[in-house]
Amino acid sequence: FRSTIGAVRSDPDTGRFLVRLVEETVAVGHAEGIALPPDQVERTMAL
């Protein structure tokens, strides 16, 4: 989005995109056998 993380977080559409990126990356980690915690998406979004 060529934008700051604040702008990405604050917009509903770009914020959903950000969450989907995090969800997809966690899913790939799980598919690779990495024992990421079940709440990894929430932990990452909190950070």
ModelCIF file with pLDDT and N, C-alpha, C, O atoms, coordinates in Angstrom:
data_MODEL
#
_entry.id   MODEL 
#
_entity.id                         1 
_entity.type                       polymer 
_entity.pdbx_number_of_molecules   1 
#
_entity_poly.entity_id                      1 
_entity_poly.type                           'polypeptide(L)' 
_entity_poly.nstd_linkage                   no 
_entity_poly.nstd_monomer                   no 
_entity_poly.pdbx_seq_one_letter_code       FRSTIGAVRSDPDTGRFLVRLVEETVAVGHAEGIALPPDQVERTMAL 
_entity_poly.pdbx_seq_one_letter_code_can   FRSTIGAVRSDPDTGRFLVRLVEETVAVGHAEGIALPPDQVERTMAL 
_entity_poly.pdbx_strand_id                 A 
#
loop_
_entity_poly_seq.entity_id 
_entity_poly_seq.num 
_entity_poly_seq.mon_id 
_entity_poly_seq.hetero 
1 1  PHE n 
1 2  ARG n 
1 3  SER n 
1 4  THR n 
1 5  ILE n 
1 6  GLY n 
1 7  ALA n 
1 8  VAL n 
1 9  ARG n 
1 10 SER n 
1 11 ASP n 
1 12 PRO n 
1 13 ASP n 
1 14 THR n 
1 15 GLY n 
1 16 ARG n 
1 17 PHE n 
1 18 LEU n 
1 19 VAL n 
1 20 ARG n 
1 21 LEU n 
1 22 VAL n 
1 23 GLU n 
1 24 GLU n 
1 25 THR n 
1 26 VAL n 
1 27 ALA n 
1 28 VAL n 
1 29 GLY n 
1 30 HIS n 
1 31 ALA n 
1 32 GLU n 
1 33 GLY n 
1 34 ILE n 
1 35 ALA n 
1 36 LEU n 
1 37 PRO n 
1 38 PRO n 
1 39 ASP n 
1 40 GLN n 
1 41 VAL n 
1 42 GLU n 
1 43 ARG n 
1 44 THR n 
1 45 MET n 
1 46 ALA n 
1 47 LEU n 
#
_struct_asym.id          A 
_struct_asym.entity_id   1 
#
loop_
_ma_qa_metric.id 
_ma_qa_metric.mode 
_ma_qa_metric.name 
_ma_qa_metric.software_group_id 
_ma_qa_metric.type 
1 global pLDDT . pLDDT 
2 local  pLDDT . pLDDT 
#
_ma_qa_metric_global.metric_id      1 
_ma_qa_metric_global.metric_value   96.19 
_ma_qa_metric_global.model_id       1 
_ma_qa_metric_global.ordinal_id     1 
#
loop_
_ma_qa_metric_local.label_asym_id 
_ma_qa_metric_local.label_comp_id 
_ma_qa_metric_local.label_seq_id 
_ma_qa_metric_local.metric_id 
_ma_qa_metric_local.metric_value 
_ma_qa_metric_local.model_id 
_ma_qa_metric_local.ordinal_id 
A PHE 1  2 94.00 1 1  
A ARG 2  2 92.00 1 2  
A SER 3  2 91.00 1 3  
A THR 4  2 90.00 1 4  
A ILE 5  2 91.00 1 5  
A GLY 6  2 91.00 1 6  
A ALA 7  2 93.00 1 7  
A VAL 8  2 95.00 1 8  
A ARG 9  2 94.00 1 9  
A SER 10 2 93.00 1 10 
A ASP 11 2 96.00 1 11 
A PRO 12 2 96.00 1 12 
A ASP 13 2 97.00 1 13 
A THR 14 2 96.00 1 14 
A GLY 15 2 97.00 1 15 
A ARG 16 2 98.00 1 16 
A PHE 17 2 98.00 1 17 
A LEU 18 2 97.00 1 18 
A VAL 19 2 98.00 1 19 
A ARG 20 2 98.00 1 20 
A LEU 21 2 97.00 1 21 
A VAL 22 2 98.00 1 22 
A GLU 23 2 98.00 1 23 
A GLU 24 2 98.00 1 24 
A THR 25 2 98.00 1 25 
A VAL 26 2 98.00 1 26 
A ALA 27 2 98.00 1 27 
A VAL 28 2 98.00 1 28 
A GLY 29 2 98.00 1 29 
A HIS 30 2 98.00 1 30 
A ALA 31 2 98.00 1 31 
A GLU 32 2 97.00 1 32 
A GLY 33 2 97.00 1 33 
A ILE 34 2 97.00 1 34 
A ALA 35 2 97.00 1 35 
A LEU 36 2 98.00 1 36 
A PRO 37 2 97.00 1 37 
A PRO 38 2 97.00 1 38 
A ASP 39 2 98.00 1 39 
A GLN 40 2 98.00 1 40 
A VAL 41 2 98.00 1 41 
A GLU 42 2 98.00 1 42 
A ARG 43 2 97.00 1 43 
A THR 44 2 97.00 1 44 
A MET 45 2 96.00 1 45 
A ALA 46 2 95.00 1 46 
A LEU 47 2 92.00 1 47 
#
loop_
_atom_site.group_PDB 
_atom_site.id 
_atom_site.type_symbol 
_atom_site.label_atom_id 
_atom_site.label_alt_id 
_atom_site.label_comp_id 
_atom_site.label_asym_id 
_atom_site.label_entity_id 
_atom_site.label_seq_id 
_atom_site.pdbx_PDB_ins_code 
_atom_site.Cartn_x 
_atom_site.Cartn_y 
_atom_site.Cartn_z 
_atom_site.occupancy 
_atom_site.B_iso_or_equiv 
_atom_site.pdbx_formal_charge 
_atom_site.auth_seq_id 
_atom_site.auth_comp_id 
_atom_site.auth_asym_id 
_atom_site.auth_atom_id 
_atom_site.pdbx_PDB_model_num 
ATOM 1   N N  . PHE A 1 1  ? 0.810   -1.221  0.000  1.00 94.00 ? 1  PHE A N  1 
ATOM 2   C CA . PHE A 1 1  ? 0.000   0.000   0.000  1.00 94.00 ? 1  PHE A CA 1 
ATOM 3   C C  . PHE A 1 1  ? 0.844   1.272   0.000  1.00 94.00 ? 1  PHE A C  1 
ATOM 4   O O  . PHE A 1 1  ? 0.307   2.378   -0.057 1.00 94.00 ? 1  PHE A O  1 
ATOM 5   N N  . ARG A 1 2  ? 2.173   1.112   0.064  1.00 92.00 ? 2  ARG A N  1 
ATOM 6   C CA . ARG A 1 2  ? 3.108   2.246   0.092  1.00 92.00 ? 2  ARG A CA 1 
ATOM 7   C C  . ARG A 1 2  ? 2.649   3.276   1.123  1.00 92.00 ? 2  ARG A C  1 
ATOM 8   O O  . ARG A 1 2  ? 2.473   4.462   0.840  1.00 92.00 ? 2  ARG A O  1 
ATOM 9   N N  . SER A 1 3  ? 2.467   2.752   2.328  1.00 91.00 ? 3  SER A N  1 
ATOM 10  C CA . SER A 1 3  ? 1.910   3.556   3.402  1.00 91.00 ? 3  SER A CA 1 
ATOM 11  C C  . SER A 1 3  ? 2.524   3.141   4.727  1.00 91.00 ? 3  SER A C  1 
ATOM 12  O O  . SER A 1 3  ? 3.233   2.137   4.801  1.00 91.00 ? 3  SER A O  1 
ATOM 13  N N  . THR A 1 4  ? 2.258   3.899   5.758  1.00 90.00 ? 4  THR A N  1 
ATOM 14  C CA . THR A 1 4  ? 2.730   3.558   7.100  1.00 90.00 ? 4  THR A CA 1 
ATOM 15  C C  . THR A 1 4  ? 1.856   2.461   7.687  1.00 90.00 ? 4  THR A C  1 
ATOM 16  O O  . THR A 1 4  ? 0.740   2.229   7.223  1.00 90.00 ? 4  THR A O  1 
ATOM 17  N N  . ILE A 1 5  ? 2.368   1.788   8.710  1.00 91.00 ? 5  ILE A N  1 
ATOM 18  C CA . ILE A 1 5  ? 1.579   0.745   9.353  1.00 91.00 ? 5  ILE A CA 1 
ATOM 19  C C  . ILE A 1 5  ? 0.378   1.354   10.060 1.00 91.00 ? 5  ILE A C  1 
ATOM 20  O O  . ILE A 1 5  ? -0.667  0.710   10.155 1.00 91.00 ? 5  ILE A O  1 
ATOM 21  N N  . GLY A 1 6  ? 0.501   2.579   10.556 1.00 91.00 ? 6  GLY A N  1 
ATOM 22  C CA . GLY A 1 6  ? -0.634  3.241   11.190 1.00 91.00 ? 6  GLY A CA 1 
ATOM 23  C C  . GLY A 1 6  ? -1.792  3.427   10.233 1.00 91.00 ? 6  GLY A C  1 
ATOM 24  O O  . GLY A 1 6  ? -2.946  3.185   10.586 1.00 91.00 ? 6  GLY A O  1 
ATOM 25  N N  . ALA A 1 7  ? -1.480  3.861   9.012  1.00 93.00 ? 7  ALA A N  1 
ATOM 26  C CA . ALA A 1 7  ? -2.529  4.058   8.008  1.00 93.00 ? 7  ALA A CA 1 
ATOM 27  C C  . ALA A 1 7  ? -3.129  2.712   7.591  1.00 93.00 ? 7  ALA A C  1 
ATOM 28  O O  . ALA A 1 7  ? -4.340  2.609   7.393  1.00 93.00 ? 7  ALA A O  1 
ATOM 29  N N  . VAL A 1 8  ? -2.302  1.701   7.460  1.00 95.00 ? 8  VAL A N  1 
ATOM 30  C CA . VAL A 1 8  ? -2.795  0.370   7.083  1.00 95.00 ? 8  VAL A CA 1 
ATOM 31  C C  . VAL A 1 8  ? -3.714  -0.170  8.173  1.00 95.00 ? 8  VAL A C  1 
ATOM 32  O O  . VAL A 1 8  ? -4.794  -0.683  7.878  1.00 95.00 ? 8  VAL A O  1 
ATOM 33  N N  . ARG A 1 9  ? -3.291  -0.057  9.431  1.00 94.00 ? 9  ARG A N  1 
ATOM 34  C CA . ARG A 1 9  ? -4.098  -0.576  10.550 1.00 94.00 ? 9  ARG A CA 1 
ATOM 35  C C  . ARG A 1 9  ? -5.440  0.141   10.665 1.00 94.00 ? 9  ARG A C  1 
ATOM 36  O O  . ARG A 1 9  ? -6.453  -0.483  10.981 1.00 94.00 ? 9  ARG A O  1 
ATOM 37  N N  . SER A 1 10 ? -5.451  1.430   10.416 1.00 93.00 ? 10 SER A N  1 
ATOM 38  C CA . SER A 1 10 ? -6.647  2.227   10.699 1.00 93.00 ? 10 SER A CA 1 
ATOM 39  C C  . SER A 1 10 ? -7.729  2.131   9.627  1.00 93.00 ? 10 SER A C  1 
ATOM 40  O O  . SER A 1 10 ? -8.877  2.493   9.885  1.00 93.00 ? 10 SER A O  1 
ATOM 41  N N  . ASP A 1 11 ? -7.393  1.658   8.449  1.00 96.00 ? 11 ASP A N  1 
ATOM 42  C CA . ASP A 1 11 ? -8.388  1.535   7.387  1.00 96.00 ? 11 ASP A CA 1 
ATOM 43  C C  . ASP A 1 11 ? -8.971  0.115   7.409  1.00 96.00 ? 11 ASP A C  1 
ATOM 44  O O  . ASP A 1 11 ? -8.216  -0.856  7.455  1.00 96.00 ? 11 ASP A O  1 
ATOM 45  N N  . PRO A 1 12 ? -10.301 -0.016  7.377  1.00 96.00 ? 12 PRO A N  1 
ATOM 46  C CA . PRO A 1 12 ? -10.896 -1.363  7.446  1.00 96.00 ? 12 PRO A CA 1 
ATOM 47  C C  . PRO A 1 12 ? -10.434 -2.305  6.333  1.00 96.00 ? 12 PRO A C  1 
ATOM 48  O O  . PRO A 1 12 ? -10.177 -3.480  6.597  1.00 96.00 ? 12 PRO A O  1 
ATOM 49  N N  . ASP A 1 13 ? -10.324 -1.820  5.105  1.00 97.00 ? 13 ASP A N  1 
ATOM 50  C CA . ASP A 1 13 ? -9.940  -2.688  3.994  1.00 97.00 ? 13 ASP A CA 1 
ATOM 51  C C  . ASP A 1 13 ? -8.467  -3.100  4.069  1.00 97.00 ? 13 ASP A C  1 
ATOM 52  O O  . ASP A 1 13 ? -8.144  -4.281  3.938  1.00 97.00 ? 13 ASP A O  1 
ATOM 53  N N  . THR A 1 14 ? -7.581  -2.134  4.279  1.00 96.00 ? 14 THR A N  1 
ATOM 54  C CA . THR A 1 14 ? -6.160  -2.479  4.349  1.00 96.00 ? 14 THR A CA 1 
ATOM 55  C C  . THR A 1 14 ? -5.859  -3.238  5.637  1.00 96.00 ? 14 THR A C  1 
ATOM 56  O O  . THR A 1 14 ? -4.953  -4.071  5.665  1.00 96.00 ? 14 THR A O  1 
ATOM 57  N N  . GLY A 1 15 ? -6.603  -2.959  6.699  1.00 97.00 ? 15 GLY A N  1 
ATOM 58  C CA . GLY A 1 15 ? -6.446  -3.697  7.947  1.00 97.00 ? 15 GLY A CA 1 
ATOM 59  C C  . GLY A 1 15 ? -6.793  -5.169  7.769  1.00 97.00 ? 15 GLY A C  1 
ATOM 60  O O  . GLY A 1 15 ? -6.105  -6.036  8.308  1.00 97.00 ? 15 GLY A O  1 
ATOM 61  N N  . ARG A 1 16 ? -7.857  -5.460  7.016  1.00 98.00 ? 16 ARG A N  1 
ATOM 62  C CA . ARG A 1 16 ? -8.223  -6.852  6.734  1.00 98.00 ? 16 ARG A CA 1 
ATOM 63  C C  . ARG A 1 16 ? -7.135  -7.534  5.896  1.00 98.00 ? 16 ARG A C  1 
ATOM 64  O O  . ARG A 1 16 ? -6.821  -8.705  6.110  1.00 98.00 ? 16 ARG A O  1 
ATOM 65  N N  . PHE A 1 17 ? -6.567  -6.794  4.947  1.00 98.00 ? 17 PHE A N  1 
ATOM 66  C CA . PHE A 1 17 ? -5.472  -7.324  4.127  1.00 98.00 ? 17 PHE A CA 1 
ATOM 67  C C  . PHE A 1 17 ? -4.304  -7.723  5.031  1.00 98.00 ? 17 PHE A C  1 
ATOM 68  O O  . PHE A 1 17 ? -3.722  -8.794  4.857  1.00 98.00 ? 17 PHE A O  1 
ATOM 69  N N  . LEU A 1 18 ? -3.967  -6.878  5.978  1.00 97.00 ? 18 LEU A N  1 
ATOM 70  C CA . LEU A 1 18 ? -2.882  -7.142  6.921  1.00 97.00 ? 18 LEU A CA 1 
ATOM 71  C C  . LEU A 1 18 ? -3.166  -8.414  7.723  1.00 97.00 ? 18 LEU A C  1 
ATOM 72  O O  . LEU A 1 18 ? -2.291  -9.268  7.864  1.00 97.00 ? 18 LEU A O  1 
ATOM 73  N N  . VAL A 1 19 ? -4.371  -8.537  8.241  1.00 98.00 ? 19 VAL A N  1 
ATOM 74  C CA . VAL A 1 19 ? -4.739  -9.732  9.001  1.00 98.00 ? 19 VAL A CA 1 
ATOM 75  C C  . VAL A 1 19 ? -4.620  -10.976 8.126  1.00 98.00 ? 19 VAL A C  1 
ATOM 76  O O  . VAL A 1 19 ? -4.118  -12.002 8.584  1.00 98.00 ? 19 VAL A O  1 
ATOM 77  N N  . ARG A 1 20 ? -5.067  -10.904 6.889  1.00 98.00 ? 20 ARG A N  1 
ATOM 78  C CA . ARG A 1 20 ? -4.987  -12.050 5.975  1.00 98.00 ? 20 ARG A CA 1 
ATOM 79  C C  . ARG A 1 20 ? -3.528  -12.434 5.694  1.00 98.00 ? 20 ARG A C  1 
ATOM 80  O O  . ARG A 1 20 ? -3.208  -13.619 5.598  1.00 98.00 ? 20 ARG A O  1 
ATOM 81  N N  . LEU A 1 21 ? -2.648  -11.440 5.564  1.00 97.00 ? 21 LEU A N  1 
ATOM 82  C CA . LEU A 1 21 ? -1.221  -11.750 5.386  1.00 97.00 ? 21 LEU A CA 1 
ATOM 83  C C  . LEU A 1 21 ? -0.701  -12.550 6.576  1.00 97.00 ? 21 LEU A C  1 
ATOM 84  O O  . LEU A 1 21 ? -0.014  -13.559 6.409  1.00 97.00 ? 21 LEU A O  1 
ATOM 85  N N  . VAL A 1 22 ? -1.032  -12.094 7.761  1.00 98.00 ? 22 VAL A N  1 
ATOM 86  C CA . VAL A 1 22 ? -0.581  -12.767 8.981  1.00 98.00 ? 22 VAL A CA 1 
ATOM 87  C C  . VAL A 1 22 ? -1.185  -14.174 9.059  1.00 98.00 ? 22 VAL A C  1 
ATOM 88  O O  . VAL A 1 22 ? -0.476  -15.135 9.354  1.00 98.00 ? 22 VAL A O  1 
ATOM 89  N N  . GLU A 1 23 ? -2.488  -14.297 8.797  1.00 98.00 ? 23 GLU A N  1 
ATOM 90  C CA . GLU A 1 23 ? -3.133  -15.613 8.830  1.00 98.00 ? 23 GLU A CA 1 
ATOM 91  C C  . GLU A 1 23 ? -2.497  -16.577 7.836  1.00 98.00 ? 23 GLU A C  1 
ATOM 92  O O  . GLU A 1 23 ? -2.238  -17.734 8.165  1.00 98.00 ? 23 GLU A O  1 
ATOM 93  N N  . GLU A 1 24 ? -2.253  -16.107 6.644  1.00 98.00 ? 24 GLU A N  1 
ATOM 94  C CA . GLU A 1 24 ? -1.676  -16.974 5.605  1.00 98.00 ? 24 GLU A CA 1 
ATOM 95  C C  . GLU A 1 24 ? -0.264  -17.421 5.978  1.00 98.00 ? 24 GLU A C  1 
ATOM 96  O O  . GLU A 1 24 ? 0.104   -18.573 5.748  1.00 98.00 ? 24 GLU A O  1 
ATOM 97  N N  . THR A 1 25 ? 0.520   -16.522 6.547  1.00 98.00 ? 25 THR A N  1 
ATOM 98  C CA . THR A 1 25 ? 1.886   -16.870 6.936  1.00 98.00 ? 25 THR A CA 1 
ATOM 99  C C  . THR A 1 25 ? 1.879   -17.892 8.070  1.00 98.00 ? 25 THR A C  1 
ATOM 100 O O  . THR A 1 25 ? 2.682   -18.825 8.072  1.00 98.00 ? 25 THR A O  1 
ATOM 101 N N  . VAL A 1 26 ? 0.982   -17.718 9.026  1.00 98.00 ? 26 VAL A N  1 
ATOM 102 C CA . VAL A 1 26 ? 0.840   -18.700 10.108 1.00 98.00 ? 26 VAL A CA 1 
ATOM 103 C C  . VAL A 1 26 ? 0.427   -20.058 9.531  1.00 98.00 ? 26 VAL A C  1 
ATOM 104 O O  . VAL A 1 26 ? 0.945   -21.091 9.957  1.00 98.00 ? 26 VAL A O  1 
ATOM 105 N N  . ALA A 1 27 ? -0.492  -20.067 8.574  1.00 98.00 ? 27 ALA A N  1 
ATOM 106 C CA . ALA A 1 27 ? -0.933  -21.312 7.951  1.00 98.00 ? 27 ALA A CA 1 
ATOM 107 C C  . ALA A 1 27 ? 0.227   -22.015 7.245  1.00 98.00 ? 27 ALA A C  1 
ATOM 108 O O  . ALA A 1 27 ? 0.347   -23.238 7.318  1.00 98.00 ? 27 ALA A O  1 
ATOM 109 N N  . VAL A 1 28 ? 1.069   -21.257 6.572  1.00 98.00 ? 28 VAL A N  1 
ATOM 110 C CA . VAL A 1 28 ? 2.238   -21.856 5.907  1.00 98.00 ? 28 VAL A CA 1 
ATOM 111 C C  . VAL A 1 28 ? 3.185   -22.443 6.955  1.00 98.00 ? 28 VAL A C  1 
ATOM 112 O O  . VAL A 1 28 ? 3.709   -23.541 6.768  1.00 98.00 ? 28 VAL A O  1 
ATOM 113 N N  . GLY A 1 29 ? 3.403   -21.724 8.048  1.00 98.00 ? 29 GLY A N  1 
ATOM 114 C CA . GLY A 1 29 ? 4.243   -22.252 9.122  1.00 98.00 ? 29 GLY A CA 1 
ATOM 115 C C  . GLY A 1 29 ? 3.702   -23.566 9.658  1.00 98.00 ? 29 GLY A C  1 
ATOM 116 O O  . GLY A 1 29 ? 4.447   -24.531 9.832  1.00 98.00 ? 29 GLY A O  1 
ATOM 117 N N  . HIS A 1 30 ? 2.392   -23.598 9.919  1.00 98.00 ? 30 HIS A N  1 
ATOM 118 C CA . HIS A 1 30 ? 1.781   -24.850 10.393 1.00 98.00 ? 30 HIS A CA 1 
ATOM 119 C C  . HIS A 1 30 ? 1.948   -25.962 9.359  1.00 98.00 ? 30 HIS A C  1 
ATOM 120 O O  . HIS A 1 30 ? 2.244   -27.101 9.719  1.00 98.00 ? 30 HIS A O  1 
ATOM 121 N N  . ALA A 1 31 ? 1.760   -25.640 8.079  1.00 98.00 ? 31 ALA A N  1 
ATOM 122 C CA . ALA A 1 31 ? 1.915   -26.643 7.019  1.00 98.00 ? 31 ALA A CA 1 
ATOM 123 C C  . ALA A 1 31 ? 3.349   -27.170 6.955  1.00 98.00 ? 31 ALA A C  1 
ATOM 124 O O  . ALA A 1 31 ? 3.579   -28.310 6.551  1.00 98.00 ? 31 ALA A O  1 
ATOM 125 N N  . GLU A 1 32 ? 4.297   -26.346 7.350  1.00 97.00 ? 32 GLU A N  1 
ATOM 126 C CA . GLU A 1 32 ? 5.702   -26.759 7.374  1.00 97.00 ? 32 GLU A CA 1 
ATOM 127 C C  . GLU A 1 32 ? 6.070   -27.507 8.650  1.00 97.00 ? 32 GLU A C  1 
ATOM 128 O O  . GLU A 1 32 ? 7.216   -27.919 8.830  1.00 97.00 ? 32 GLU A O  1 
ATOM 129 N N  . GLY A 1 33 ? 5.094   -27.678 9.531  1.00 97.00 ? 33 GLY A N  1 
ATOM 130 C CA . GLY A 1 33 ? 5.341   -28.417 10.763 1.00 97.00 ? 33 GLY A CA 1 
ATOM 131 C C  . GLY A 1 33 ? 5.867   -27.583 11.913 1.00 97.00 ? 33 GLY A C  1 
ATOM 132 O O  . GLY A 1 33 ? 6.360   -28.138 12.895 1.00 97.00 ? 33 GLY A O  1 
ATOM 133 N N  . ILE A 1 34 ? 5.778   -26.276 11.819 1.00 97.00 ? 34 ILE A N  1 
ATOM 134 C CA . ILE A 1 34 ? 6.249   -25.385 12.879 1.00 97.00 ? 34 ILE A CA 1 
ATOM 135 C C  . ILE A 1 34 ? 5.164   -25.289 13.948 1.00 97.00 ? 34 ILE A C  1 
ATOM 136 O O  . ILE A 1 34 ? 3.996   -25.064 13.629 1.00 97.00 ? 34 ILE A O  1 
ATOM 137 N N  . ALA A 1 35 ? 5.538   -25.456 15.194 1.00 97.00 ? 35 ALA A N  1 
ATOM 138 C CA . ALA A 1 35 ? 4.582   -25.487 16.304 1.00 97.00 ? 35 ALA A CA 1 
ATOM 139 C C  . ALA A 1 35 ? 4.238   -24.082 16.796 1.00 97.00 ? 35 ALA A C  1 
ATOM 140 O O  . ALA A 1 35 ? 4.402   -23.764 17.974 1.00 97.00 ? 35 ALA A O  1 
ATOM 141 N N  . LEU A 1 36 ? 3.759   -23.252 15.875 1.00 98.00 ? 36 LEU A N  1 
ATOM 142 C CA . LEU A 1 36 ? 3.316   -21.916 16.271 1.00 98.00 ? 36 LEU A CA 1 
ATOM 143 C C  . LEU A 1 36 ? 2.115   -22.059 17.200 1.00 98.00 ? 36 LEU A C  1 
ATOM 144 O O  . LEU A 1 36 ? 1.285   -22.946 17.000 1.00 98.00 ? 36 LEU A O  1 
ATOM 145 N N  . PRO A 1 37 ? 2.010   -21.200 18.214 1.00 97.00 ? 37 PRO A N  1 
ATOM 146 C CA . PRO A 1 37 ? 0.875   -21.296 19.138 1.00 97.00 ? 37 PRO A CA 1 
ATOM 147 C C  . PRO A 1 37 ? -0.452  -21.095 18.409 1.00 97.00 ? 37 PRO A C  1 
ATOM 148 O O  . PRO A 1 37 ? -0.501  -20.407 17.390 1.00 97.00 ? 37 PRO A O  1 
ATOM 149 N N  . PRO A 1 38 ? -1.527  -21.694 18.926 1.00 97.00 ? 38 PRO A N  1 
ATOM 150 C CA . PRO A 1 38 ? -2.839  -21.547 18.292 1.00 97.00 ? 38 PRO A CA 1 
ATOM 151 C C  . PRO A 1 38 ? -3.290  -20.092 18.171 1.00 97.00 ? 38 PRO A C  1 
ATOM 152 O O  . PRO A 1 38 ? -4.057  -19.755 17.270 1.00 97.00 ? 38 PRO A O  1 
ATOM 153 N N  . ASP A 1 39 ? -2.819  -19.232 19.071 1.00 98.00 ? 39 ASP A N  1 
ATOM 154 C CA . ASP A 1 39 ? -3.204  -17.816 19.044 1.00 98.00 ? 39 ASP A CA 1 
ATOM 155 C C  . ASP A 1 39 ? -2.142  -16.923 18.394 1.00 98.00 ? 39 ASP A C  1 
ATOM 156 O O  . ASP A 1 39 ? -2.072  -15.729 18.686 1.00 98.00 ? 39 ASP A O  1 
ATOM 157 N N  . GLN A 1 40 ? -1.317  -17.500 17.513 1.00 98.00 ? 40 GLN A N  1 
ATOM 158 C CA . GLN A 1 40 ? -0.235  -16.727 16.904 1.00 98.00 ? 40 GLN A CA 1 
ATOM 159 C C  . GLN A 1 40 ? -0.741  -15.517 16.124 1.00 98.00 ? 40 GLN A C  1 
ATOM 160 O O  . GLN A 1 40 ? -0.117  -14.457 16.178 1.00 98.00 ? 40 GLN A O  1 
ATOM 161 N N  . VAL A 1 41 ? -1.842  -15.643 15.407 1.00 98.00 ? 41 VAL A N  1 
ATOM 162 C CA . VAL A 1 41 ? -2.377  -14.495 14.660 1.00 98.00 ? 41 VAL A CA 1 
ATOM 163 C C  . VAL A 1 41 ? -2.703  -13.367 15.638 1.00 98.00 ? 41 VAL A C  1 
ATOM 164 O O  . VAL A 1 41 ? -2.328  -12.217 15.408 1.00 98.00 ? 41 VAL A O  1 
ATOM 165 N N  . GLU A 1 42 ? -3.392  -13.691 16.715 1.00 98.00 ? 42 GLU A N  1 
ATOM 166 C CA . GLU A 1 42 ? -3.766  -12.675 17.704 1.00 98.00 ? 42 GLU A CA 1 
ATOM 167 C C  . GLU A 1 42 ? -2.532  -12.051 18.353 1.00 98.00 ? 42 GLU A C  1 
ATOM 168 O O  . GLU A 1 42 ? -2.486  -10.838 18.559 1.00 98.00 ? 42 GLU A O  1 
ATOM 169 N N  . ARG A 1 43 ? -1.530  -12.874 18.677 1.00 97.00 ? 43 ARG A N  1 
ATOM 170 C CA . ARG A 1 43 ? -0.285  -12.360 19.269 1.00 97.00 ? 43 ARG A CA 1 
ATOM 171 C C  . ARG A 1 43 ? 0.408   -11.381 18.316 1.00 97.00 ? 43 ARG A C  1 
ATOM 172 O O  . ARG A 1 43 ? 0.864   -10.311 18.719 1.00 97.00 ? 43 ARG A O  1 
ATOM 173 N N  . THR A 1 44 ? 0.472   -11.775 17.054 1.00 97.00 ? 44 THR A N  1 
ATOM 174 C CA . THR A 1 44 ? 1.140   -10.930 16.064 1.00 97.00 ? 44 THR A CA 1 
ATOM 175 C C  . THR A 1 44 ? 0.378   -9.624  15.869 1.00 97.00 ? 44 THR A C  1 
ATOM 176 O O  . THR A 1 44 ? 0.983   -8.553  15.813 1.00 97.00 ? 44 THR A O  1 
ATOM 177 N N  . MET A 1 45 ? -0.932  -9.707  15.766 1.00 96.00 ? 45 MET A N  1 
ATOM 178 C CA . MET A 1 45 ? -1.728  -8.498  15.576 1.00 96.00 ? 45 MET A CA 1 
ATOM 179 C C  . MET A 1 45 ? -1.635  -7.582  16.796 1.00 96.00 ? 45 MET A C  1 
ATOM 180 O O  . MET A 1 45 ? -1.666  -6.360  16.648 1.00 96.00 ? 45 MET A O  1 
ATOM 181 N N  . ALA A 1 46 ? -1.520  -8.151  17.999 1.00 95.00 ? 46 ALA A N  1 
ATOM 182 C CA . ALA A 1 46 ? -1.350  -7.338  19.210 1.00 95.00 ? 46 ALA A CA 1 
ATOM 183 C C  . ALA A 1 46 ? -0.012  -6.599  19.167 1.00 95.00 ? 46 ALA A C  1 
ATOM 184 O O  . ALA A 1 46 ? 0.065   -5.439  19.572 1.00 95.00 ? 46 ALA A O  1 
ATOM 185 N N  . LEU A 1 47 ? 1.030   -7.253  18.686 1.00 92.00 ? 47 LEU A N  1 
ATOM 186 C CA . LEU A 1 47 ? 2.331   -6.600  18.551 1.00 92.00 ? 47 LEU A CA 1 
ATOM 187 C C  . LEU A 1 47 ? 2.275   -5.498  17.495 1.00 92.00 ? 47 LEU A C  1 
ATOM 188 O O  . LEU A 1 47 ? 3.281   -4.835  17.242 1.00 92.00 ? 47 LEU A O  1 
#
